[in-house]
Amino acid sequence: MLALRGAAGILFGVPTLAWPGLSLLTLIALFAAYALLGGAAAVVGAVRHRRSGDDRWLVMLLGLVSTGAARWP
């Protein structure tokens, strides 16, 4: 398993060294997708479970900030 992880690291590392701009753009796009989906899930969860407690506003705030971070220029 360790050798497989090392081989995967090399396979992903060589193109990263060859095309650093494309690698950065891909990393930014992956972060934006992660933040957008996570934020949307937090907002939906806060709205669906609004009767379960007083801390739902914190989950809603987290979702809105995460969604906003995903759309930051």
C-alpha atoms as a PDB file:
ATOM      1  CA  MET A   1       0.000   0.000   0.000  1.00  0.00           C
ATOM      2  CA  LEU A   2       2.850   2.383   0.796  1.00  0.00           C
ATOM      3  CA  ALA A   3       4.441   1.774  -2.598  1.00  0.00           C
ATOM      4  CA  LEU A   4       1.111   2.445  -4.308  1.00  0.00           C
ATOM      5  CA  ARG A   5       0.763   5.761  -2.477  1.00  0.00           C
ATOM      6  CA  GLY A   6       4.306   6.681  -3.453  1.00  0.00           C
ATOM      7  CA  ALA A   7       3.664   5.840  -7.101  1.00  0.00           C
ATOM      8  CA  ALA A   8       0.460   7.906  -7.045  1.00  0.00           C
ATOM      9  CA  GLY A   9       2.377  10.815  -5.532  1.00  0.00           C
ATOM     10  CA  ILE A  10       4.957  10.658  -8.294  1.00  0.00           C
ATOM     11  CA  LEU A  11       2.259  10.372 -10.960  1.00  0.00           C
ATOM     12  CA  PHE A  12       0.568  13.505  -9.651  1.00  0.00           C
ATOM     13  CA  GLY A  13       3.799  15.324  -8.800  1.00  0.00           C
ATOM     14  CA  VAL A  14       5.461  15.222 -12.212  1.00  0.00           C
ATOM     15  CA  PRO A  15       2.621  16.999 -14.057  1.00  0.00           C
ATOM     16  CA  THR A  16       2.403  19.506 -11.205  1.00  0.00           C
ATOM     17  CA  LEU A  17       6.048  20.413 -11.695  1.00  0.00           C
ATOM     18  CA  ALA A  18       5.611  20.522 -15.464  1.00  0.00           C
ATOM     19  CA  TRP A  19       2.483  22.728 -15.453  1.00  0.00           C
ATOM     20  CA  PRO A  20       2.287  24.700 -12.200  1.00  0.00           C
ATOM     21  CA  GLY A  21      -0.255  27.219 -13.534  1.00  0.00           C
ATOM     22  CA  LEU A  22      -2.670  24.525 -14.631  1.00  0.00           C
ATOM     23  CA  SER A  23      -2.193  22.713 -11.317  1.00  0.00           C
ATOM     24  CA  LEU A  24      -3.024  25.876  -9.362  1.00  0.00           C
ATOM     25  CA  LEU A  25      -6.093  26.520 -11.494  1.00  0.00           C
ATOM     26  CA  THR A  26      -7.267  22.943 -10.923  1.00  0.00           C
ATOM     27  CA  LEU A  27      -6.714  23.256  -7.170  1.00  0.00           C
ATOM     28  CA  ILE A  28      -8.701  26.508  -7.065  1.00  0.00           C
ATOM     29  CA  ALA A  29     -11.553  24.924  -9.027  1.00  0.00           C
ATOM     30  CA  LEU A  30     -11.639  21.908  -6.692  1.00  0.00           C
ATOM     31  CA  PHE A  31     -11.705  24.160  -3.618  1.00  0.00           C
ATOM     32  CA  ALA A  32     -14.525  26.235  -5.115  1.00  0.00           C
ATOM     33  CA  ALA A  33     -16.588  23.130  -5.857  1.00  0.00           C
ATOM     34  CA  TYR A  34     -15.961  21.770  -2.343  1.00  0.00           C
ATOM     35  CA  ALA A  35     -16.895  25.072  -0.680  1.00  0.00           C
ATOM     36  CA  LEU A  36     -19.998  25.537  -2.829  1.00  0.00           C
ATOM     37  CA  LEU A  37     -21.340  22.034  -2.212  1.00  0.00           C
ATOM     38  CA  GLY A  38     -20.468  22.094   1.482  1.00  0.00           C
ATOM     39  CA  GLY A  39     -22.048  25.515   1.940  1.00  0.00           C
ATOM     40  CA  ALA A  40     -25.212  24.510   0.114  1.00  0.00           C
ATOM     41  CA  ALA A  41     -25.483  21.363   2.228  1.00  0.00           C
ATOM     42  CA  ALA A  42     -25.055  23.401   5.424  1.00  0.00           C
ATOM     43  CA  VAL A  43     -27.759  25.883   4.392  1.00  0.00           C
ATOM     44  CA  VAL A  44     -30.170  23.099   3.464  1.00  0.00           C
ATOM     45  CA  GLY A  45     -29.417  21.303   6.737  1.00  0.00           C
ATOM     46  CA  ALA A  46     -30.020  24.465   8.766  1.00  0.00           C
ATOM     47  CA  VAL A  47     -33.341  25.105   7.039  1.00  0.00           C
ATOM     48  CA  ARG A  48     -34.553  21.499   7.308  1.00  0.00           C
ATOM     49  CA  HIS A  49     -33.687  21.154  11.019  1.00  0.00           C
ATOM     50  CA  ARG A  50     -34.788  24.572  12.189  1.00  0.00           C
ATOM     51  CA  ARG A  51     -36.766  23.177  15.116  1.00  0.00           C
ATOM     52  CA  SER A  52     -33.941  21.111  16.582  1.00  0.00           C
ATOM     53  CA  GLY A  53     -32.133  23.856  18.490  1.00  0.00           C
ATOM     54  CA  ASP A  54     -30.871  27.383  18.784  1.00  0.00           C
ATOM     55  CA  ASP A  55     -27.529  26.769  17.061  1.00  0.00           C
ATOM     56  CA  ARG A  56     -29.021  26.543  13.586  1.00  0.00           C
ATOM     57  CA  TRP A  57     -28.101  30.171  12.857  1.00  0.00           C
ATOM     58  CA  LEU A  58     -24.444  29.232  13.239  1.00  0.00           C
ATOM     59  CA  VAL A  59     -24.791  26.431  10.680  1.00  0.00           C
ATOM     60  CA  MET A  60     -26.629  28.834   8.357  1.00  0.00           C
ATOM     61  CA  LEU A  61     -23.844  31.411   8.740  1.00  0.00           C
ATOM     62  CA  LEU A  62     -21.224  28.768   8.023  1.00  0.00           C
ATOM     63  CA  GLY A  63     -23.081  27.726   4.883  1.00  0.00           C
ATOM     64  CA  LEU A  64     -23.453  31.283   3.624  1.00  0.00           C
ATOM     65  CA  VAL A  65     -19.807  32.144   4.250  1.00  0.00           C
ATOM     66  CA  SER A  66     -18.671  28.939   2.573  1.00  0.00           C
ATOM     67  CA  THR A  67     -20.874  29.603  -0.441  1.00  0.00           C
ATOM     68  CA  GLY A  68     -19.560  33.146  -0.625  1.00  0.00           C
ATOM     69  CA  ALA A  69     -15.967  31.918  -0.477  1.00  0.00           C
ATOM     70  CA  ALA A  70     -16.658  29.600  -3.384  1.00  0.00           C
ATOM     71  CA  ARG A  71     -17.781  32.504  -5.548  1.00  0.00           C
ATOM     72  CA  TRP A  72     -15.008  34.926  -4.549  1.00  0.00           C
ATOM     73  CA  PRO A  73     -13.208  36.316  -7.628  1.00  0.00           C
END
